[in-house]
Each structure stands twice: as C-alpha cells, then as structure tokens.
C-alpha cells in the first residue's frame, strides 16, 4: 500500500489524542513546557527502542529457525508470535516509555487524580508511536531486496494485506495511547502514594505500571501478529478490539478529569470541599461563642458577695447607714 496513505492514516489520531490530553486539564495545573518535553523525549527514545526491537526480532527469528516446523506440538507460529510480541515489542517499548516518565515526572510533577498519570504517560506514548511507526515503514521500504532474511524478521503488520495494513495504521497510535494510559493510571497511583510517604505501596504500584502494560501489550500484539501470519481473522479481530477498548477506557478517564478539575475532590467522591470559615456552621458557632446555654451558669459566673454594680455606685441596703454617712459628711 502507498506509504503516504499509511502515514496519513497513522498520524490522523494524533491531534485528537493531544486535544483530549489538553482538555483534561492535567497540564493546565503544570505547564505546557512539561507537555512538550514529554512529547519530544518520547519521540527521541523511540530511536534506540526501534534499534533494540529490530535486533531482538532478528535474534528470535534466528533462534526459532533452529526448530523444525513441527516443534512445540505444531504450534511454532504461535510460540513465535508470543515471544516476538512479548519480549521484542512490549517489553522494550513499555520499558523505554516508563523510563522517560520516571525520569521526567517522578520528582518534577505532583499528581492529584488518576488521569494526571494517564495524561503524562499518553503524551510520551504519542511522541513515541509517531516515530516508531514511521521508522518501521521507512526501513522496511528502503531495505535492499536481497536482505529478505532480515525483512522476514520485521513485525507482521508490515507484511499484511492492503485492508489490514490500513486498519492497523489507523489504530496504531490509538493502541499505544491505550497501553500508555494503562501504564499512567498505575503510575499516577504510585506517585500519589509517594506523595503521602507510603513508600511500599508506591513501589508496588510502580511495578504494576510496568508489568500490566507489558502483559496486555504483548497479548494484543501476539493475537494480531498470529492472526496476520496465519490468516486467522478471528485472532486478528480480537487483538484489535482489545486495543480499541483499552484506548476508549483511557479516553473516558481523561474525560472525567475535566469534571474533577472543575471542582470535584481528588478522591473521586464528587463532593466539593467546604471551607469551614465560610459555612453556616461556623457562623452559628461564632454567634453563640461565649454565650452560656444554661442561665444558671451565668449566676455561677458571679462570685458570692460580688456586686454587679461598679464600685462606689451601689446603694446601701440599711437606711441607717445612709444617715450615718450624711452626718459624717
């Protein structure tokens, strides 16, 4: 299929992904400079990731070439798809994206909502996927024809038919958005736990932010790769549908963030925080402050024998005392 058409299809979702991220407000609390930094760093690490992935795919191809076609109970193509997808694709790609996210945001950003992590990771994934897809297409077409052994080791989507290649290109960036979002969701939880000084929980969630995307990415890539290599339409369709569902799930979470930014609390309860100093309870408390609830308590506050009148102004209780005072004067 024409390279220009495939590149247009692959890059078409990019503006919509960036729009969703900006609309979430996650980077409105930080800076656009951080967003651009994450995007370009994600694009930069795609180059070493591409070289590592290509080398790993070639090595796996050589190792599996030693085995006869009937090895692994006749499931050699399935084993090949799993190893290629899990080790050469998912492990390397997710590892580089987490590396950028960890080095750029762990100490530089605060994350208040689940989608803050999704947004940061999705920006890295957007830059990464933009370079990765273009690099594979360019190298596949520029590689000399006499290097078919190397070409055969390349990802299966490069060998797909016209319709499949177009659909894969159209969903490529959106699928990376889904994998990156899954990473960012658990990364955001880890960051919040770290902000609360819960080191153990933060470390566990950080581990899950790497493990779960690797497993899910590897599963989807294996289904798609095996479906293309063995012409198994059902396997191919299941892999693509799983990628799309994950992408929509992450997009929905980003949509919720725009509501949280407009007033919901960070714990997702949906209740706006109340300032006690501005509440009716505080006004009532201030009005009644210092006033005894029981009138008897007011009498207790006056010491026995003490006069409520100022000194020198009280009238004597005995009239005789009044006359004696007059005589003296």
C-alpha atoms as a PDB file:
ATOM      1  CA  UNK A   1       0.000   0.000   0.000  1.00  0.00           C
ATOM      2  CA  UNK A   2       1.141   3.558  -0.658  1.00  0.00           C
ATOM      3  CA  UNK A   3       3.369   4.859   2.152  1.00  0.00           C
ATOM      4  CA  UNK A   4       1.788   8.326   2.137  1.00  0.00           C
ATOM      5  CA  UNK A   5      -1.687   6.915   2.714  1.00  0.00           C
ATOM      6  CA  UNK A   6      -0.467   4.750   5.570  1.00  0.00           C
ATOM      7  CA  UNK A   7       1.348   7.636   7.256  1.00  0.00           C
ATOM      8  CA  UNK A   8      -1.706   9.889   6.975  1.00  0.00           C
ATOM      9  CA  UNK A   9      -3.876   7.146   8.476  1.00  0.00           C
ATOM     10  CA  UNK A  10      -1.363   6.525  11.268  1.00  0.00           C
ATOM     11  CA  UNK A  11      -0.914  10.187  12.239  1.00  0.00           C
ATOM     12  CA  UNK A  12      -4.562  11.171  11.879  1.00  0.00           C
ATOM     13  CA  UNK A  13      -5.473  10.364  15.528  1.00  0.00           C
ATOM     14  CA  UNK A  14      -2.551  12.425  16.914  1.00  0.00           C
ATOM     15  CA  UNK A  15      -4.381  15.816  17.082  1.00  0.00           C
ATOM     16  CA  UNK A  16      -7.407  14.217  18.738  1.00  0.00           C
ATOM     17  CA  UNK A  17      -5.231  12.461  21.344  1.00  0.00           C
ATOM     18  CA  UNK A  18      -3.413  15.683  22.202  1.00  0.00           C
ATOM     19  CA  UNK A  19      -6.740  17.525  22.347  1.00  0.00           C
ATOM     20  CA  UNK A  20      -8.111  15.001  24.870  1.00  0.00           C
ATOM     21  CA  UNK A  21      -4.991  15.381  26.992  1.00  0.00           C
ATOM     22  CA  UNK A  22      -5.133  19.181  26.980  1.00  0.00           C
ATOM     23  CA  UNK A  23      -8.878  19.203  27.626  1.00  0.00           C
ATOM     24  CA  UNK A  24      -8.412  17.045  30.719  1.00  0.00           C
ATOM     25  CA  UNK A  25      -6.687  19.984  32.420  1.00  0.00           C
ATOM     26  CA  UNK A  26      -3.868  17.834  33.781  1.00  0.00           C
ATOM     27  CA  UNK A  27      -1.240  20.030  32.173  1.00  0.00           C
ATOM     28  CA  UNK A  28      -3.182  23.172  32.910  1.00  0.00           C
ATOM     29  CA  UNK A  29      -2.085  22.685  36.525  1.00  0.00           C
ATOM     30  CA  UNK A  30       1.532  22.401  35.381  1.00  0.00           C
ATOM     31  CA  UNK A  31       2.951  23.881  32.233  1.00  0.00           C
ATOM     32  CA  UNK A  32       2.762  23.336  28.500  1.00  0.00           C
ATOM     33  CA  UNK A  33       6.546  23.160  28.576  1.00  0.00           C
ATOM     34  CA  UNK A  34       6.319  19.898  30.521  1.00  0.00           C
ATOM     35  CA  UNK A  35       3.926  18.507  27.927  1.00  0.00           C
ATOM     36  CA  UNK A  36       6.274  19.388  25.074  1.00  0.00           C
ATOM     37  CA  UNK A  37       9.227  17.951  26.966  1.00  0.00           C
ATOM     38  CA  UNK A  38       7.454  14.632  27.482  1.00  0.00           C
ATOM     39  CA  UNK A  39       6.332  14.514  23.853  1.00  0.00           C
ATOM     40  CA  UNK A  40       9.764  15.108  22.354  1.00  0.00           C
ATOM     41  CA  UNK A  41      11.525  12.820  24.826  1.00  0.00           C
ATOM     42  CA  UNK A  42       9.054  10.095  23.907  1.00  0.00           C
ATOM     43  CA  UNK A  43       9.886  10.680  20.250  1.00  0.00           C
ATOM     44  CA  UNK A  44      13.635  10.662  20.987  1.00  0.00           C
ATOM     45  CA  UNK A  45      13.704   7.336  22.855  1.00  0.00           C
ATOM     46  CA  UNK A  46      11.760   5.706  20.017  1.00  0.00           C
ATOM     47  CA  UNK A  47      15.027   5.609  18.058  1.00  0.00           C
ATOM     48  CA  UNK A  48      17.008   3.381  20.460  1.00  0.00           C
ATOM     49  CA  UNK A  49      13.823   1.407  21.129  1.00  0.00           C
ATOM     50  CA  UNK A  50      13.461   0.772  17.387  1.00  0.00           C
ATOM     51  CA  UNK A  51      17.071  -0.439  17.101  1.00  0.00           C
ATOM     52  CA  UNK A  52      16.690  -2.732  20.114  1.00  0.00           C
ATOM     53  CA  UNK A  53      13.364  -4.076  18.867  1.00  0.00           C
ATOM     54  CA  UNK A  54      14.708  -4.788  15.374  1.00  0.00           C
ATOM     55  CA  UNK A  55      17.772  -6.567  16.788  1.00  0.00           C
ATOM     56  CA  UNK A  56      15.679  -8.613  19.215  1.00  0.00           C
ATOM     57  CA  UNK A  57      13.248  -9.647  16.486  1.00  0.00           C
ATOM     58  CA  UNK A  58      16.117 -10.807  14.301  1.00  0.00           C
ATOM     59  CA  UNK A  59      17.684 -12.836  17.140  1.00  0.00           C
ATOM     60  CA  UNK A  60      14.372 -14.512  17.967  1.00  0.00           C
ATOM     61  CA  UNK A  61      13.913 -15.309  14.284  1.00  0.00           C
ATOM     62  CA  UNK A  62      17.346 -16.999  14.185  1.00  0.00           C
ATOM     63  CA  UNK A  63      16.754 -18.994  17.365  1.00  0.00           C
ATOM     64  CA  UNK A  64      13.332 -20.240  16.337  1.00  0.00           C
ATOM     65  CA  UNK A  65      14.733 -21.101  12.892  1.00  0.00           C
ATOM     66  CA  UNK A  66      16.681 -23.905  14.537  1.00  0.00           C
ATOM     67  CA  UNK A  67      13.494 -25.744  15.446  1.00  0.00           C
ATOM     68  CA  UNK A  68      11.600 -27.815  12.863  1.00  0.00           C
ATOM     69  CA  UNK A  69       8.114 -26.773  11.790  1.00  0.00           C
ATOM     70  CA  UNK A  70       6.515 -29.483  13.925  1.00  0.00           C
ATOM     71  CA  UNK A  71       8.159 -28.284  17.128  1.00  0.00           C
ATOM     72  CA  UNK A  72       6.084 -27.288  20.172  1.00  0.00           C
ATOM     73  CA  UNK A  73       3.305 -29.627  19.091  1.00  0.00           C
ATOM     74  CA  UNK A  74       2.919 -27.876  15.759  1.00  0.00           C
ATOM     75  CA  UNK A  75       2.434 -24.523  17.491  1.00  0.00           C
ATOM     76  CA  UNK A  76       5.724 -22.976  16.417  1.00  0.00           C
ATOM     77  CA  UNK A  77       3.979 -19.964  14.748  1.00  0.00           C
ATOM     78  CA  UNK A  78       2.048 -19.266  17.958  1.00  0.00           C
ATOM     79  CA  UNK A  79       5.178 -19.544  20.109  1.00  0.00           C
ATOM     80  CA  UNK A  80       6.976 -17.245  17.688  1.00  0.00           C
ATOM     81  CA  UNK A  81       4.171 -14.671  17.868  1.00  0.00           C
ATOM     82  CA  UNK A  82       4.180 -14.724  21.679  1.00  0.00           C
ATOM     83  CA  UNK A  83       7.957 -14.384  22.038  1.00  0.00           C
ATOM     84  CA  UNK A  84       8.225 -11.691  19.400  1.00  0.00           C
ATOM     85  CA  UNK A  85       5.318  -9.695  20.796  1.00  0.00           C
ATOM     86  CA  UNK A  86       6.078 -10.052  24.489  1.00  0.00           C
ATOM     87  CA  UNK A  87       9.877  -9.728  24.515  1.00  0.00           C
ATOM     88  CA  UNK A  88      10.847  -7.807  21.388  1.00  0.00           C
ATOM     89  CA  UNK A  89       7.850  -5.462  21.236  1.00  0.00           C
ATOM     90  CA  UNK A  90       6.040  -4.989  24.556  1.00  0.00           C
ATOM     91  CA  UNK A  91       8.970  -5.338  26.955  1.00  0.00           C
ATOM     92  CA  UNK A  92      11.199  -2.922  25.045  1.00  0.00           C
ATOM     93  CA  UNK A  93       8.569  -0.331  24.178  1.00  0.00           C
ATOM     94  CA  UNK A  94       6.950  -0.162  27.597  1.00  0.00           C
ATOM     95  CA  UNK A  95      10.345  -0.141  29.283  1.00  0.00           C
ATOM     96  CA  UNK A  96      11.514   2.912  27.340  1.00  0.00           C
ATOM     97  CA  UNK A  97       8.261   4.780  27.900  1.00  0.00           C
ATOM     98  CA  UNK A  98       8.341   4.140  31.640  1.00  0.00           C
ATOM     99  CA  UNK A  99      11.984   5.250  31.688  1.00  0.00           C
ATOM    100  CA  UNK A 100      11.040   8.651  30.228  1.00  0.00           C
ATOM    101  CA  UNK A 101       8.043   9.003  32.523  1.00  0.00           C
ATOM    102  CA  UNK A 102      10.028   8.104  35.627  1.00  0.00           C
ATOM    103  CA  UNK A 103      12.970  10.386  34.886  1.00  0.00           C
ATOM    104  CA  UNK A 104      10.826  13.355  33.851  1.00  0.00           C
ATOM    105  CA  UNK A 105       7.871  13.420  36.244  1.00  0.00           C
ATOM    106  CA  UNK A 106       8.607  11.475  39.448  1.00  0.00           C
ATOM    107  CA  UNK A 107      10.200  14.412  41.230  1.00  0.00           C
ATOM    108  CA  UNK A 108       9.051  17.199  38.912  1.00  0.00           C
ATOM    109  CA  UNK A 109       5.244  16.768  38.956  1.00  0.00           C
ATOM    110  CA  UNK A 110       2.509  16.326  41.552  1.00  0.00           C
ATOM    111  CA  UNK A 111      -0.430  14.124  40.599  1.00  0.00           C
ATOM    112  CA  UNK A 112      -3.795  14.672  42.238  1.00  0.00           C
ATOM    113  CA  UNK A 113      -6.074  12.485  40.117  1.00  0.00           C
ATOM    114  CA  UNK A 114      -5.799   9.137  38.391  1.00  0.00           C
ATOM    115  CA  UNK A 115      -5.899  10.767  34.983  1.00  0.00           C
ATOM    116  CA  UNK A 116      -2.922  13.021  35.717  1.00  0.00           C
ATOM    117  CA  UNK A 117      -0.734   9.952  35.312  1.00  0.00           C
ATOM    118  CA  UNK A 118      -2.681   8.854  32.227  1.00  0.00           C
ATOM    119  CA  UNK A 119      -2.198  12.244  30.576  1.00  0.00           C
ATOM    120  CA  UNK A 120       1.548  12.361  31.262  1.00  0.00           C
ATOM    121  CA  UNK A 121       2.106   8.818  30.022  1.00  0.00           C
ATOM    122  CA  UNK A 122      -0.120   9.335  26.971  1.00  0.00           C
ATOM    123  CA  UNK A 123       1.967  12.332  25.877  1.00  0.00           C
ATOM    124  CA  UNK A 124       5.096  10.176  25.980  1.00  0.00           C
ATOM    125  CA  UNK A 125       3.279   7.463  24.036  1.00  0.00           C
ATOM    126  CA  UNK A 126       2.103   9.924  21.380  1.00  0.00           C
ATOM    127  CA  UNK A 127       5.628  11.081  20.568  1.00  0.00           C
ATOM    128  CA  UNK A 128       6.925   7.523  20.771  1.00  0.00           C
ATOM    129  CA  UNK A 129       4.348   5.991  18.438  1.00  0.00           C
ATOM    130  CA  UNK A 130       4.750   8.791  15.885  1.00  0.00           C
ATOM    131  CA  UNK A 131       8.446   7.988  15.376  1.00  0.00           C
ATOM    132  CA  UNK A 132       8.174   4.216  15.807  1.00  0.00           C
ATOM    133  CA  UNK A 133       5.582   3.673  13.078  1.00  0.00           C
ATOM    134  CA  UNK A 134       7.354   5.949  10.614  1.00  0.00           C
ATOM    135  CA  UNK A 135      10.707   4.254  11.303  1.00  0.00           C
ATOM    136  CA  UNK A 136       9.362   0.748  10.646  1.00  0.00           C
ATOM    137  CA  UNK A 137       7.664   1.773   7.411  1.00  0.00           C
ATOM    138  CA  UNK A 138      10.700   3.688   6.145  1.00  0.00           C
ATOM    139  CA  UNK A 139      13.249   0.953   6.909  1.00  0.00           C
ATOM    140  CA  UNK A 140      11.009  -1.780   5.509  1.00  0.00           C
ATOM    141  CA  UNK A 141      10.735   0.030   2.186  1.00  0.00           C
ATOM    142  CA  UNK A 142      14.343   1.196   1.984  1.00  0.00           C
ATOM    143  CA  UNK A 143      15.847  -2.177   2.851  1.00  0.00           C
ATOM    144  CA  UNK A 144      17.525  -3.826  -0.187  1.00  0.00           C
ATOM    145  CA  UNK A 145      15.602  -6.645  -1.769  1.00  0.00           C
ATOM    146  CA  UNK A 146      18.461  -9.122  -1.249  1.00  0.00           C
ATOM    147  CA  UNK A 147      18.003  -8.898   2.543  1.00  0.00           C
ATOM    148  CA  UNK A 148      14.786 -10.871   2.680  1.00  0.00           C
ATOM    149  CA  UNK A 149      16.020 -12.797   5.731  1.00  0.00           C
ATOM    150  CA  UNK A 150      16.149  -9.538   7.673  1.00  0.00           C
ATOM    151  CA  UNK A 151      12.876  -8.332   6.195  1.00  0.00           C
ATOM    152  CA  UNK A 152      11.098 -11.501   7.324  1.00  0.00           C
ATOM    153  CA  UNK A 153      12.049 -10.758  10.919  1.00  0.00           C
ATOM    154  CA  UNK A 154      10.213  -7.414  10.859  1.00  0.00           C
ATOM    155  CA  UNK A 155       6.816  -7.021  12.568  1.00  0.00           C
ATOM    156  CA  UNK A 156       3.937  -8.867  10.943  1.00  0.00           C
ATOM    157  CA  UNK A 157       1.869  -5.738  10.219  1.00  0.00           C
ATOM    158  CA  UNK A 158       4.447  -4.781   7.576  1.00  0.00           C
ATOM    159  CA  UNK A 159       3.588  -7.969   5.662  1.00  0.00           C
ATOM    160  CA  UNK A 160      -0.200  -7.560   5.950  1.00  0.00           C
ATOM    161  CA  UNK A 161      -2.600  -7.031   3.079  1.00  0.00           C
ATOM    162  CA  UNK A 162      -3.930  -3.666   1.977  1.00  0.00           C
ATOM    163  CA  UNK A 163      -7.051  -3.535   4.155  1.00  0.00           C
ATOM    164  CA  UNK A 164      -5.369  -4.946   7.257  1.00  0.00           C
ATOM    165  CA  UNK A 165      -2.384  -2.622   6.854  1.00  0.00           C
ATOM    166  CA  UNK A 166      -4.685   0.400   6.609  1.00  0.00           C
ATOM    167  CA  UNK A 167      -6.749  -0.594   9.669  1.00  0.00           C
ATOM    168  CA  UNK A 168      -3.614  -1.283  11.679  1.00  0.00           C
ATOM    169  CA  UNK A 169      -2.144   2.082  10.695  1.00  0.00           C
ATOM    170  CA  UNK A 170      -5.347   3.866  11.670  1.00  0.00           C
ATOM    171  CA  UNK A 171      -5.381   2.218  15.104  1.00  0.00           C
ATOM    172  CA  UNK A 172      -1.630   2.214  15.797  1.00  0.00           C
ATOM    173  CA  UNK A 173      -1.370   5.493  17.724  1.00  0.00           C
ATOM    174  CA  UNK A 174      -4.681   4.896  19.494  1.00  0.00           C
ATOM    175  CA  UNK A 175      -3.473   1.482  20.650  1.00  0.00           C
ATOM    176  CA  UNK A 176      -0.243   2.984  22.021  1.00  0.00           C
ATOM    177  CA  UNK A 177      -2.419   5.592  23.737  1.00  0.00           C
ATOM    178  CA  UNK A 178      -4.297   2.756  25.454  1.00  0.00           C
ATOM    179  CA  UNK A 179      -1.138   0.944  26.570  1.00  0.00           C
ATOM    180  CA  UNK A 180       0.439   4.190  27.765  1.00  0.00           C
ATOM    181  CA  UNK A 181      -2.753   5.138  29.586  1.00  0.00           C
ATOM    182  CA  UNK A 182      -2.781   1.819  31.432  1.00  0.00           C
ATOM    183  CA  UNK A 183       0.792   2.488  32.500  1.00  0.00           C
ATOM    184  CA  UNK A 184      -0.035   6.050  33.505  1.00  0.00           C
ATOM    185  CA  UNK A 185      -3.034   5.026  35.601  1.00  0.00           C
ATOM    186  CA  UNK A 186      -0.941   2.857  37.922  1.00  0.00           C
ATOM    187  CA  UNK A 187       1.965   5.287  37.705  1.00  0.00           C
ATOM    188  CA  UNK A 188      -0.329   8.072  38.912  1.00  0.00           C
ATOM    189  CA  UNK A 189      -1.432   5.927  41.857  1.00  0.00           C
ATOM    190  CA  UNK A 190       2.213   5.199  42.673  1.00  0.00           C
ATOM    191  CA  UNK A 191       3.038   8.896  42.542  1.00  0.00           C
ATOM    192  CA  UNK A 192       0.179   9.790  44.893  1.00  0.00           C
ATOM    193  CA  UNK A 193       1.277   7.107  47.352  1.00  0.00           C
ATOM    194  CA  UNK A 194       4.804   8.503  47.215  1.00  0.00           C
ATOM    195  CA  UNK A 195       3.445  11.983  47.923  1.00  0.00           C
ATOM    196  CA  UNK A 196       1.788  10.536  51.050  1.00  0.00           C
ATOM    197  CA  UNK A 197       5.097   8.928  52.106  1.00  0.00           C
ATOM    198  CA  UNK A 198       3.753   5.412  51.527  1.00  0.00           C
ATOM    199  CA  UNK A 199       6.954   4.026  50.036  1.00  0.00           C
ATOM    200  CA  UNK A 200       5.933   0.361  49.988  1.00  0.00           C
ATOM    201  CA  UNK A 201       2.651   0.962  48.176  1.00  0.00           C
ATOM    202  CA  UNK A 202       4.332   3.362  45.767  1.00  0.00           C
ATOM    203  CA  UNK A 203       6.931   0.767  44.817  1.00  0.00           C
ATOM    204  CA  UNK A 204       4.319  -1.939  44.256  1.00  0.00           C
ATOM    205  CA  UNK A 205       2.142   0.305  42.096  1.00  0.00           C
ATOM    206  CA  UNK A 206       5.192   1.417  40.130  1.00  0.00           C
ATOM    207  CA  UNK A 207       5.956  -2.250  39.421  1.00  0.00           C
ATOM    208  CA  UNK A 208       2.375  -2.813  38.236  1.00  0.00           C
ATOM    209  CA  UNK A 209       2.637   0.241  35.995  1.00  0.00           C
ATOM    210  CA  UNK A 210       5.277  -1.678  34.049  1.00  0.00           C
ATOM    211  CA  UNK A 211       4.055  -5.269  34.339  1.00  0.00           C
ATOM    212  CA  UNK A 212       0.412  -4.822  33.324  1.00  0.00           C
ATOM    213  CA  UNK A 213       1.067  -2.797  30.129  1.00  0.00           C
ATOM    214  CA  UNK A 214       3.744  -5.308  29.092  1.00  0.00           C
ATOM    215  CA  UNK A 215       1.355  -8.229  29.510  1.00  0.00           C
ATOM    216  CA  UNK A 216      -1.601  -6.521  27.846  1.00  0.00           C
ATOM    217  CA  UNK A 217       0.504  -5.086  25.008  1.00  0.00           C
ATOM    218  CA  UNK A 218       2.163  -8.472  24.485  1.00  0.00           C
ATOM    219  CA  UNK A 219      -1.211 -10.234  24.400  1.00  0.00           C
ATOM    220  CA  UNK A 220      -2.717  -7.859  21.839  1.00  0.00           C
ATOM    221  CA  UNK A 221       0.407  -7.859  19.662  1.00  0.00           C
ATOM    222  CA  UNK A 222       0.568 -11.673  19.758  1.00  0.00           C
ATOM    223  CA  UNK A 223      -3.075 -12.010  18.713  1.00  0.00           C
ATOM    224  CA  UNK A 224      -2.633  -9.531  15.874  1.00  0.00           C
ATOM    225  CA  UNK A 225       0.710 -10.959  14.752  1.00  0.00           C
ATOM    226  CA  UNK A 226      -0.508 -14.557  14.783  1.00  0.00           C
ATOM    227  CA  UNK A 227      -3.717 -13.553  13.025  1.00  0.00           C
ATOM    228  CA  UNK A 228      -1.780 -11.847  10.226  1.00  0.00           C
ATOM    229  CA  UNK A 229       0.889 -14.557   9.867  1.00  0.00           C
ATOM    230  CA  UNK A 230      -1.576 -17.469   9.844  1.00  0.00           C
ATOM    231  CA  UNK A 231      -4.526 -15.656   8.228  1.00  0.00           C
ATOM    232  CA  UNK A 232      -6.621 -16.097  11.378  1.00  0.00           C
ATOM    233  CA  UNK A 233      -9.164 -13.311  11.063  1.00  0.00           C
ATOM    234  CA  UNK A 234     -10.778 -14.017  14.434  1.00  0.00           C
ATOM    235  CA  UNK A 235      -7.485 -13.725  16.315  1.00  0.00           C
ATOM    236  CA  UNK A 236      -6.679 -10.530  14.463  1.00  0.00           C
ATOM    237  CA  UNK A 237     -10.097  -9.052  15.236  1.00  0.00           C
ATOM    238  CA  UNK A 238      -9.868  -9.934  18.945  1.00  0.00           C
ATOM    239  CA  UNK A 239      -6.478  -8.250  19.231  1.00  0.00           C
ATOM    240  CA  UNK A 240      -7.657  -5.085  17.521  1.00  0.00           C
ATOM    241  CA  UNK A 241     -10.862  -4.917  19.582  1.00  0.00           C
ATOM    242  CA  UNK A 242      -8.928  -5.264  22.852  1.00  0.00           C
ATOM    243  CA  UNK A 243      -6.653  -2.400  21.833  1.00  0.00           C
ATOM    244  CA  UNK A 244      -9.607  -0.193  20.929  1.00  0.00           C
ATOM    245  CA  UNK A 245     -11.427  -0.967  24.185  1.00  0.00           C
ATOM    246  CA  UNK A 246      -8.378  -0.052  26.253  1.00  0.00           C
ATOM    247  CA  UNK A 247      -7.990   3.177  24.291  1.00  0.00           C
ATOM    248  CA  UNK A 248     -11.621   4.160  24.882  1.00  0.00           C
ATOM    249  CA  UNK A 249     -11.327   3.300  28.577  1.00  0.00           C
ATOM    250  CA  UNK A 250      -8.353   5.640  28.969  1.00  0.00           C
ATOM    251  CA  UNK A 251     -10.112   8.362  26.959  1.00  0.00           C
ATOM    252  CA  UNK A 252     -13.152   8.084  29.248  1.00  0.00           C
ATOM    253  CA  UNK A 253     -10.935   8.511  32.309  1.00  0.00           C
ATOM    254  CA  UNK A 254      -9.391  11.625  30.798  1.00  0.00           C
ATOM    255  CA  UNK A 255     -12.898  12.970  30.211  1.00  0.00           C
ATOM    256  CA  UNK A 256     -13.709  12.518  33.880  1.00  0.00           C
ATOM    257  CA  UNK A 257     -10.674  14.565  34.814  1.00  0.00           C
ATOM    258  CA  UNK A 258     -12.126  17.683  33.237  1.00  0.00           C
ATOM    259  CA  UNK A 259     -15.006  17.403  35.734  1.00  0.00           C
ATOM    260  CA  UNK A 260     -12.638  16.829  38.634  1.00  0.00           C
ATOM    261  CA  UNK A 261     -10.636  19.898  37.653  1.00  0.00           C
ATOM    262  CA  UNK A 262     -13.819  21.995  37.791  1.00  0.00           C
ATOM    263  CA  UNK A 263     -14.493  21.218  41.447  1.00  0.00           C
ATOM    264  CA  UNK A 264     -14.535  17.564  42.421  1.00  0.00           C
ATOM    265  CA  UNK A 265     -12.143  16.447  45.095  1.00  0.00           C
ATOM    266  CA  UNK A 266      -9.088  14.357  44.376  1.00  0.00           C
ATOM    267  CA  UNK A 267     -10.559  11.249  45.986  1.00  0.00           C
ATOM    268  CA  UNK A 268     -13.375  10.993  43.461  1.00  0.00           C
ATOM    269  CA  UNK A 269     -16.257  11.377  45.907  1.00  0.00           C
ATOM    270  CA  UNK A 270     -17.896  14.009  43.765  1.00  0.00           C
ATOM    271  CA  UNK A 271     -18.240  16.398  46.721  1.00  0.00           C
ATOM    272  CA  UNK A 272     -16.698  19.849  46.609  1.00  0.00           C
ATOM    273  CA  UNK A 273     -14.502  20.669  49.580  1.00  0.00           C
ATOM    274  CA  UNK A 274     -16.165  23.046  52.069  1.00  0.00           C
ATOM    275  CA  UNK A 275     -14.294  25.883  53.701  1.00  0.00           C
ATOM    276  CA  UNK A 276     -15.495  25.789  57.338  1.00  0.00           C
ATOM    277  CA  UNK A 277     -14.844  29.501  57.778  1.00  0.00           C
ATOM    278  CA  UNK A 278     -17.456  30.252  55.104  1.00  0.00           C
ATOM    279  CA  UNK A 279     -20.038  27.713  56.216  1.00  0.00           C
ATOM    280  CA  UNK A 280     -23.290  28.257  58.118  1.00  0.00           C
ATOM    281  CA  UNK A 281     -21.987  26.013  60.910  1.00  0.00           C
ATOM    282  CA  UNK A 282     -19.108  28.397  61.514  1.00  0.00           C
ATOM    283  CA  UNK A 283     -21.418  31.456  61.510  1.00  0.00           C
ATOM    284  CA  UNK A 284     -23.665  29.843  64.118  1.00  0.00           C
ATOM    285  CA  UNK A 285     -20.658  28.824  66.178  1.00  0.00           C
ATOM    286  CA  UNK A 286     -19.226  32.358  66.109  1.00  0.00           C
ATOM    287  CA  UNK A 287     -22.583  33.911  67.092  1.00  0.00           C
ATOM    288  CA  UNK A 288     -23.063  31.651  70.088  1.00  0.00           C
ATOM    289  CA  UNK A 289     -19.431  31.663  71.130  1.00  0.00           C
ATOM    290  CA  UNK A 290     -19.067  32.803  74.768  1.00  0.00           C
ATOM    291  CA  UNK A 291     -22.808  32.667  75.496  1.00  0.00           C
ATOM    292  CA  UNK A 292     -23.774  30.067  78.140  1.00  0.00           C
ATOM    293  CA  UNK A 293     -26.556  27.736  77.124  1.00  0.00           C
ATOM    294  CA  UNK A 294     -27.940  27.490  80.726  1.00  0.00           C
ATOM    295  CA  UNK A 295     -28.980  30.723  82.570  1.00  0.00           C
ATOM    296  CA  UNK A 296     -27.946  29.095  85.826  1.00  0.00           C
ATOM    297  CA  UNK A 297     -24.387  29.025  84.561  1.00  0.00           C
ATOM    298  CA  UNK A 298     -24.465  32.830  84.275  1.00  0.00           C
ATOM    299  CA  UNK A 299     -25.242  33.105  88.035  1.00  0.00           C
ATOM    300  CA  UNK A 300     -22.363  30.790  88.807  1.00  0.00           C
ATOM    301  CA  UNK A 301     -20.013  33.085  86.963  1.00  0.00           C
ATOM    302  CA  UNK A 302     -20.642  35.844  89.648  1.00  0.00           C
ATOM    303  CA  UNK A 303     -18.635  35.268  92.797  1.00  0.00           C
ATOM    304  CA  UNK A 304     -20.533  35.301  96.121  1.00  0.00           C
ATOM    305  CA  UNK A 305     -20.590  38.736  97.685  1.00  0.00           C
ATOM    306  CA  UNK A 306     -19.518  40.427  94.475  1.00  0.00           C
ATOM    307  CA  UNK A 307     -21.607  43.317  93.234  1.00  0.00           C
ATOM    308  CA  UNK A 308     -22.815  43.657  89.712  1.00  0.00           C
ATOM    309  CA  UNK A 309     -22.697  47.446  90.080  1.00  0.00           C
ATOM    310  CA  UNK A 310     -19.470  49.429  89.705  1.00  0.00           C
ATOM    311  CA  UNK A 311     -17.604  50.348  92.912  1.00  0.00           C
ATOM    312  CA  UNK A 312     -18.952  53.461  94.618  1.00  0.00           C
ATOM    313  CA  UNK A 313     -22.293  53.410  92.792  1.00  0.00           C
ATOM    314  CA  UNK A 314     -24.138  50.733  94.777  1.00  0.00           C
ATOM    315  CA  UNK A 315     -26.863  51.857  97.208  1.00  0.00           C
ATOM    316  CA  UNK A 316     -26.677  50.701 100.871  1.00  0.00           C
ATOM    317  CA  UNK A 317     -29.190  48.137 101.968  1.00  0.00           C
ATOM    318  CA  UNK A 318     -29.663  49.771 105.502  1.00  0.00           C
ATOM    319  CA  UNK A 319     -31.149  53.345 105.640  1.00  0.00           C
ATOM    320  CA  UNK A 320     -29.358  53.965 108.931  1.00  0.00           C
ATOM    321  CA  UNK A 321     -26.045  53.502 107.243  1.00  0.00           C
ATOM    322  CA  UNK A 322     -27.071  56.182 104.779  1.00  0.00           C
ATOM    323  CA  UNK A 323     -27.873  58.646 107.631  1.00  0.00           C
ATOM    324  CA  UNK A 324     -24.555  57.935 109.368  1.00  0.00           C
ATOM    325  CA  UNK A 325     -22.737  58.692 106.151  1.00  0.00           C
ATOM    326  CA  UNK A 326     -24.586  62.023 105.908  1.00  0.00           C
ATOM    327  CA  UNK A 327     -23.671  63.002 109.441  1.00  0.00           C
ATOM    328  CA  UNK A 328     -20.021  62.292 108.863  1.00  0.00           C
ATOM    329  CA  UNK A 329     -20.085  64.460 105.743  1.00  0.00           C
END
